[in-house]
Protein backbone atom coordinates (compact mmCIF):
# COMPACT_ATOMS: atom_id res chain seq x y z
CA UNK A 1 52.21 26.18 110.47
CA UNK A 2 54.07 29.43 109.79
CA UNK A 3 54.26 32.33 112.24
CA UNK A 4 52.14 34.72 110.16
CA UNK A 5 49.44 32.06 109.80
CA UNK A 6 49.34 31.53 113.58
CA UNK A 7 49.06 35.28 114.03
CA UNK A 8 46.16 35.57 111.57
CA UNK A 9 44.31 32.64 113.16
CA UNK A 10 44.79 33.99 116.71
CA UNK A 11 43.52 37.40 115.56
CA UNK A 12 40.47 35.82 113.96
CA UNK A 13 39.71 33.59 116.98
CA UNK A 14 39.78 36.60 119.32
CA UNK A 15 37.41 38.55 117.08
CA UNK A 16 35.15 35.53 116.69
CA UNK A 17 34.76 34.89 120.43
CA UNK A 18 34.15 38.56 121.24
CA UNK A 19 31.42 38.81 118.58
CA UNK A 20 29.96 35.39 119.41
CA UNK A 21 29.67 36.07 123.16
CA UNK A 22 28.25 39.56 122.54
CA UNK A 23 25.56 38.24 120.18
CA UNK A 24 24.73 35.36 122.54
CA UNK A 25 24.26 37.72 125.48
CA UNK A 26 22.18 40.06 123.33
CA UNK A 27 19.90 37.27 122.06
CA UNK A 28 19.38 35.60 125.45
CA UNK A 29 19.01 38.97 127.19
CA UNK A 30 16.25 40.13 124.82
CA UNK A 31 14.50 36.76 125.15
CA UNK A 32 14.59 36.91 128.97
CA UNK A 33 13.16 40.43 128.93
CA UNK A 34 10.21 39.31 126.79
CA UNK A 35 9.51 36.04 128.66
CA UNK A 36 10.43 37.00 132.24
CA UNK A 37 6.80 37.15 133.42
CA UNK A 38 6.13 33.64 132.03
CA UNK A 39 9.17 31.95 133.60
CA UNK A 40 8.54 29.43 136.42
CA UNK A 41 9.40 30.55 139.96
CA UNK A 42 12.03 27.82 140.38
CA UNK A 43 15.57 29.23 140.09
CA UNK A 44 16.84 25.89 138.72
CA UNK A 45 14.29 25.96 135.89
CA UNK A 46 15.13 29.60 135.14
CA UNK A 47 18.82 28.68 134.82
CA UNK A 48 17.96 25.69 132.62
CA UNK A 49 15.73 27.86 130.44
CA UNK A 50 18.52 30.42 130.00
CA UNK A 51 21.00 27.65 129.15
CA UNK A 52 18.72 26.02 126.58
CA UNK A 53 17.93 29.39 124.98
CA UNK A 54 21.67 30.08 124.78
CA UNK A 55 22.19 26.75 123.02
CA UNK A 56 19.32 27.44 120.65
CA UNK A 57 20.73 30.91 119.88
CA UNK A 58 23.88 29.26 118.50
CA UNK A 59 21.88 28.31 115.38
CA UNK A 60 21.55 32.02 114.52
CA UNK A 61 24.56 33.54 116.25
CA UNK A 62 27.30 31.18 115.03
CA UNK A 63 27.10 31.81 111.25
CA UNK A 64 26.83 35.57 111.78
CA UNK A 65 29.80 35.48 114.19
CA UNK A 66 31.89 33.61 111.63
CA UNK A 67 31.08 36.18 108.94
CA UNK A 68 31.45 39.29 111.14
CA UNK A 69 34.75 38.02 112.57
CA UNK A 70 36.03 37.43 109.03
CA UNK A 71 35.08 40.97 107.99
CA UNK A 72 36.60 42.53 111.14
CA UNK A 73 39.82 40.52 110.75
CA UNK A 74 40.20 41.35 107.05
CA UNK A 75 39.51 45.09 107.50
CA UNK A 76 41.79 45.20 110.57
CA UNK A 77 44.68 43.62 108.66
CA UNK A 78 44.15 46.06 105.79
CA UNK A 79 43.76 49.15 108.00
CA UNK A 80 46.90 48.42 110.07
CA UNK A 81 48.92 47.80 106.85
CA UNK A 82 49.68 44.25 108.07
CA UNK A 83 48.13 42.82 104.91
CA UNK A 84 50.29 44.86 102.54
CA UNK A 85 53.36 44.10 104.68
CA UNK A 86 52.78 40.37 104.34
CA UNK A 87 52.30 40.70 100.60
CA UNK A 88 55.50 42.77 100.31
CA UNK A 89 57.43 39.89 101.93
CA UNK A 90 56.32 37.62 99.09
CA UNK A 91 53.38 35.99 100.88
CA UNK A 92 50.54 35.58 98.41
CA UNK A 93 46.95 36.32 99.41
CA UNK A 94 45.98 32.65 99.03
CA UNK A 95 48.35 31.74 101.88
CA UNK A 96 46.70 34.41 104.05
CA UNK A 97 43.12 33.33 103.26
CA UNK A 98 43.76 29.58 103.56
CA UNK A 99 44.30 29.36 107.39
CA UNK A 100 41.25 31.56 107.96
CA UNK A 101 39.07 29.38 105.75
CA UNK A 102 40.28 26.19 107.46
CA UNK A 103 39.56 27.73 110.89
CA UNK A 104 36.03 28.77 109.93
CA UNK A 105 35.42 25.37 108.32
CA UNK A 106 36.60 23.63 111.51
CA UNK A 107 34.19 25.71 113.65
CA UNK A 108 31.36 24.93 111.22
CA UNK A 109 32.09 21.19 111.27
CA UNK A 110 31.97 21.25 115.09
CA UNK A 111 28.55 22.89 114.85
CA UNK A 112 27.35 20.26 112.35
CA UNK A 113 28.53 17.51 114.71
CA UNK A 114 26.46 19.16 117.47
CA UNK A 115 23.38 18.70 115.30
CA UNK A 116 23.81 14.92 115.60
CA UNK A 117 23.16 15.24 119.35
CA UNK A 118 20.16 16.34 121.51
CA UNK A 119 21.51 19.89 121.05
CA UNK A 120 18.93 20.14 118.25
CA UNK A 121 16.14 19.93 120.83
CA UNK A 122 17.26 22.91 122.93
CA UNK A 123 14.37 25.06 121.71
CA UNK A 124 11.84 22.35 122.53
CA UNK A 125 13.26 21.92 126.05
CA UNK A 126 13.11 25.67 126.75
CA UNK A 127 9.51 25.81 125.47
CA UNK A 128 8.56 22.91 127.74
CA UNK A 129 10.02 24.75 130.74
CA UNK A 130 8.07 27.86 129.79
CA UNK A 131 4.77 26.05 129.23
CA UNK A 132 4.87 23.06 131.61
CA UNK A 133 7.62 23.99 134.13
CA UNK A 134 9.53 20.83 133.18
CA UNK A 135 11.99 19.79 130.47
CA UNK A 136 9.90 16.96 129.05
CA UNK A 137 6.23 16.99 128.09
CA UNK A 138 3.97 14.00 127.61
CA UNK A 139 2.16 13.40 124.35
CA UNK A 140 -1.21 11.73 124.79
CA UNK A 141 -3.48 9.51 122.69
CA UNK A 142 -1.22 8.76 119.72
CA UNK A 143 -2.45 6.46 116.98
CA UNK A 144 0.07 5.70 114.23
CA UNK A 145 0.81 3.16 111.52
CA UNK A 146 4.13 1.36 111.11
CA UNK A 147 4.30 -1.15 108.23
CA UNK A 148 1.48 -3.63 108.99
CA UNK A 149 1.05 -2.49 112.59
CA UNK A 150 -1.32 0.10 114.00
CA UNK A 151 0.00 1.45 117.29
CA UNK A 152 -1.75 3.32 120.08
CA UNK A 153 0.08 5.11 122.91
CA UNK A 154 -2.03 6.53 125.72
CA UNK A 155 0.93 8.55 127.00
CA UNK A 156 4.44 9.03 125.59
CA UNK A 157 7.45 10.85 127.02
CA UNK A 158 9.80 11.25 123.99
CA UNK A 159 12.73 12.49 126.08
CA UNK A 160 12.67 9.69 128.68
CA UNK A 161 11.60 7.27 125.92
CA UNK A 162 8.84 5.81 128.10
CA UNK A 163 5.24 5.05 127.12
CA UNK A 164 2.18 3.86 129.03
CA UNK A 165 -0.78 1.71 127.96
CA UNK A 166 0.43 0.56 124.56
CA UNK A 167 -1.73 -1.33 122.07
CA UNK A 168 -0.38 -2.86 118.85
CA UNK A 169 -2.79 -4.16 116.20
CA UNK A 170 -1.10 -6.35 113.56
CA UNK A 171 -2.89 -6.69 110.24
CA UNK A 172 -2.22 -9.10 107.39
CA UNK A 173 -4.15 -8.99 104.12
CA UNK A 174 -6.66 -6.60 105.71
CA UNK A 175 -7.35 -9.09 108.47
CA UNK A 176 -6.55 -8.50 112.14
CA UNK A 177 -4.01 -11.12 113.24
CA UNK A 178 -2.73 -10.17 116.72
CA UNK A 179 -3.37 -7.59 119.43
CA UNK A 180 -0.68 -6.73 121.95
CA UNK A 181 -1.56 -4.88 125.14
CA UNK A 182 1.19 -3.58 127.41
CA UNK A 183 0.95 -1.45 130.54
CA UNK A 184 4.25 0.31 129.83
CA UNK A 185 7.19 0.28 127.45
CA UNK A 186 10.74 1.58 127.12
CA UNK A 187 12.78 2.25 123.97
CA UNK A 188 16.38 0.93 124.20
CA UNK A 189 17.76 2.48 120.95
CA UNK A 190 16.93 -0.72 119.01
CA UNK A 191 13.36 -1.63 119.80
CA UNK A 192 10.63 -1.25 122.40
CA UNK A 193 10.74 -3.36 125.55
CA UNK A 194 7.16 -3.90 126.65
CA UNK A 195 6.22 -4.90 130.21
CA UNK A 196 3.14 -6.71 131.60
CA UNK A 197 2.14 -7.84 128.13
CA UNK A 198 -0.95 -9.62 126.94
CA UNK A 199 -0.77 -11.00 123.40
CA UNK A 200 -4.02 -12.04 121.73
CA UNK A 201 -3.74 -14.19 118.58
CA UNK A 202 -6.81 -14.39 116.36
CA UNK A 203 -6.74 -17.49 114.17
CA UNK A 204 -8.59 -17.90 110.91
CA UNK A 205 -11.88 -19.55 111.64
CA UNK A 206 -13.48 -21.51 108.79
CA UNK A 207 -15.58 -24.10 110.68
CA UNK A 208 -17.21 -24.38 114.10
CA UNK A 209 -14.55 -26.77 115.34
CA UNK A 210 -11.61 -24.45 114.64
CA UNK A 211 -9.54 -23.16 117.54
CA UNK A 212 -10.57 -19.77 118.93
CA UNK A 213 -8.57 -16.91 120.41
CA UNK A 214 -5.18 -17.70 121.93
CA UNK A 215 -3.99 -15.45 124.76
CA UNK A 216 -0.37 -15.36 125.97
CA UNK A 217 0.95 -13.31 128.89
CA UNK A 218 4.55 -12.07 129.15
CA UNK A 219 6.40 -10.08 131.76
CA UNK A 220 8.60 -8.61 129.03
CA UNK A 221 8.41 -8.58 125.23
CA UNK A 222 10.38 -6.89 122.43
CA UNK A 223 8.46 -5.13 119.64
CA UNK A 224 8.44 -2.17 117.20
CA UNK A 225 12.02 -2.29 115.99
CA UNK A 226 13.63 1.12 115.23
CA UNK A 227 10.38 2.95 116.03
CA UNK A 228 12.02 5.92 117.76
CA UNK A 229 9.89 7.90 120.22
CA UNK A 230 11.14 11.25 118.88
CA UNK A 231 9.95 10.32 115.41
CA UNK A 232 6.58 9.27 116.82
CA UNK A 233 6.18 12.50 118.77
CA UNK A 234 7.15 14.82 115.91
CA UNK A 235 5.09 13.00 113.30
CA UNK A 236 2.05 13.19 115.56
CA UNK A 237 2.47 16.86 116.45
CA UNK A 238 3.40 17.90 112.92
CA UNK A 239 6.75 19.23 114.18
CA UNK A 240 10.01 18.78 112.36
CA UNK A 241 12.51 19.61 115.07
CA UNK A 242 14.90 16.66 114.82
CA UNK A 243 18.57 15.90 115.23
CA UNK A 244 20.35 14.62 112.11
CA UNK A 245 20.35 11.02 113.38
CA UNK A 246 16.64 11.13 114.22
CA UNK A 247 15.94 12.86 110.90
CA UNK A 248 17.69 10.06 108.99
CA UNK A 249 15.63 7.48 110.89
CA UNK A 250 12.51 9.53 110.20
CA UNK A 251 13.41 9.59 106.48
CA UNK A 252 13.61 5.78 106.47
CA UNK A 253 10.31 5.57 108.34
CA UNK A 254 8.57 8.01 105.96
CA UNK A 255 9.91 6.12 102.93
CA UNK A 256 8.65 2.82 104.32
CA UNK A 257 5.16 4.31 104.75
CA UNK A 258 5.20 6.04 101.32
CA UNK A 259 4.88 9.47 102.96
CA UNK A 260 6.19 12.81 101.67
CA UNK A 261 9.87 13.17 102.64
CA UNK A 262 10.60 16.72 101.43
CA UNK A 263 10.39 18.23 104.91
CA UNK A 264 12.67 15.59 106.42
CA UNK A 265 15.16 16.12 103.57
CA UNK A 266 15.03 19.86 104.28
CA UNK A 267 15.99 19.25 107.93
CA UNK A 268 18.89 17.00 106.94
CA UNK A 269 20.16 19.39 104.23
CA UNK A 270 19.69 22.45 106.48
CA UNK A 271 21.70 20.90 109.32
CA UNK A 272 24.36 19.21 107.21
CA UNK A 273 25.01 21.64 104.36
CA UNK A 274 23.44 25.03 105.11
CA UNK A 275 26.04 25.93 107.82
CA UNK A 276 28.77 25.66 105.16
CA UNK A 277 27.61 28.95 103.66
CA UNK A 278 29.42 30.88 106.45
CA UNK A 279 33.03 29.78 105.63
CA UNK A 280 32.32 29.87 101.88
CA UNK A 281 30.85 33.38 101.97
CA UNK A 282 33.53 34.48 104.45
CA UNK A 283 36.23 33.54 101.94
CA UNK A 284 34.48 35.62 99.25
CA UNK A 285 34.14 38.64 101.58
CA UNK A 286 37.80 38.46 102.65
CA UNK A 287 38.89 38.39 99.02
CA UNK A 288 36.98 41.67 98.41
CA UNK A 289 38.90 43.59 101.08
CA UNK A 290 41.48 45.94 99.45
CA UNK A 291 45.16 45.45 100.23
CA UNK A 292 45.60 49.09 101.32
CA UNK A 293 42.83 50.79 103.26
CA UNK A 294 44.28 54.30 102.83
CA UNK A 295 42.07 55.11 99.87
CA UNK A 296 38.92 53.44 101.23
CA UNK A 297 36.40 54.23 103.93
CA UNK A 298 36.93 51.23 106.23
CA UNK A 299 33.76 51.86 108.26
CA UNK A 300 31.62 51.95 105.13
CA UNK A 301 33.44 48.91 103.75
CA UNK A 302 32.86 46.94 106.99
CA UNK A 303 29.18 47.87 106.98
CA UNK A 304 28.78 46.92 103.31
CA UNK A 305 30.48 43.51 103.71
CA UNK A 306 28.53 42.78 106.92
CA UNK A 307 25.30 43.73 105.17
CA UNK A 308 26.07 41.31 102.33
CA UNK A 309 26.72 38.55 104.89
CA UNK A 310 23.43 39.18 106.72
CA UNK A 311 21.50 39.50 103.44
CA UNK A 312 22.79 36.18 102.05
CA UNK A 313 22.13 34.49 105.40
CA UNK A 314 18.59 35.89 105.39
CA UNK A 315 17.91 34.68 101.84
CA UNK A 316 19.17 31.17 102.64
CA UNK A 317 17.13 31.11 105.86
CA UNK A 318 14.01 32.14 103.92
CA UNK A 319 14.61 29.47 101.28
CA UNK A 320 15.00 26.80 103.96
CA UNK A 321 11.67 27.84 105.54
CA UNK A 322 9.97 27.70 102.15
CA UNK A 323 11.40 24.22 101.59
CA UNK A 324 10.23 23.17 105.08
CA UNK A 325 6.69 24.12 104.04
CA UNK A 326 7.04 22.19 100.75
CA UNK A 327 6.89 25.36 98.63
CA UNK A 328 10.31 24.67 97.04
CA UNK A 329 12.20 21.41 96.65
CA UNK A 330 14.98 21.18 99.28
CA UNK A 331 17.53 20.43 96.56
CA UNK A 332 16.75 23.78 94.92
CA UNK A 333 16.35 25.74 98.16
CA UNK A 334 19.50 24.53 99.94
CA UNK A 335 21.81 22.39 97.82
CA UNK A 336 21.82 24.65 94.74
CA UNK A 337 22.69 27.91 96.61
CA UNK A 338 25.43 26.15 98.62
CA UNK A 339 26.87 24.68 95.41
CA UNK A 340 26.80 28.15 93.80
CA UNK A 341 28.55 29.67 96.84
CA UNK A 342 31.15 26.89 96.70
CA UNK A 343 31.90 27.64 93.05
CA UNK A 344 32.09 31.40 93.76
CA UNK A 345 34.42 30.88 96.72
CA UNK A 346 36.73 28.63 94.67
CA UNK A 347 36.82 31.30 91.95
CA UNK A 348 37.62 34.01 94.51
CA UNK A 349 40.37 31.90 96.08
CA UNK A 350 42.19 30.96 92.89
CA UNK A 351 41.84 34.51 91.59
CA UNK A 352 44.11 35.77 94.39
CA UNK A 353 47.82 36.05 93.68
């Protein structure tokens, strides 16, 4: 990497962290002011709530920080005549934009990777602390269908992946075949491990002499393969707050049950592709900054470019919410705008000389 590229990247990183930290503090500070009276008295829970809200704020703060830092860096280079100096030394504008784009893309990819983890549930955890004074909350009296099984959970903790009083009714050709009763169960990332199990097998009875019910008892039994507790909880509550991995599993589950998958697709597209708008739009905004700021009002230019960034982010956010409510297809609401931004950014990049 050349010296001028290292300089540009270091300048951008400094601007990014200053803006990111400032926006994080602002978001969390405003939230604490509005929810202070509802917070539990425990200092530990207050700290956890603040931490989870800070993590949740990243979803909104990060893309804006990427865009604002790009605008500040571009205007700063133009205003200090560093941009024109680099160009006068024979460095083309593509070579100046490229390291910035790669840096913003790297930050965005890190954020996308975070969405594969429980980071996606930060908002849910903070809400649980606010409402129940604990991170996890139990869901009660669930009754769901999975393939040919009808499952009842008296109590489910989706975070600890523990359930109590489980009943599984297996049906074949509209006829009840088996009933499984378990006092408790635990999900081990592959299937459910049920404890203190009673399995009742109902045979087909055609004559008086046929064998009746068969009852087996087990200390431990495996069942409900790939039936993730987070999917169960969110399907039951009508929520669609899922990590990418859980969303992919939910998509498979919804497909297997012939259920509408548009909302699940929206979650996957929004977490995988929507964050890419920040580096793509940032490249377009940087390309619009004049080489010499002497004949331009830099304050007005910064405001205008920042406004465009916020406006585009707002439009994409609105489209994603519409897709989440099945008003627009997720392919049209998310994939099409990102594709259009990608084409526009490529045009802006290759237009520079």
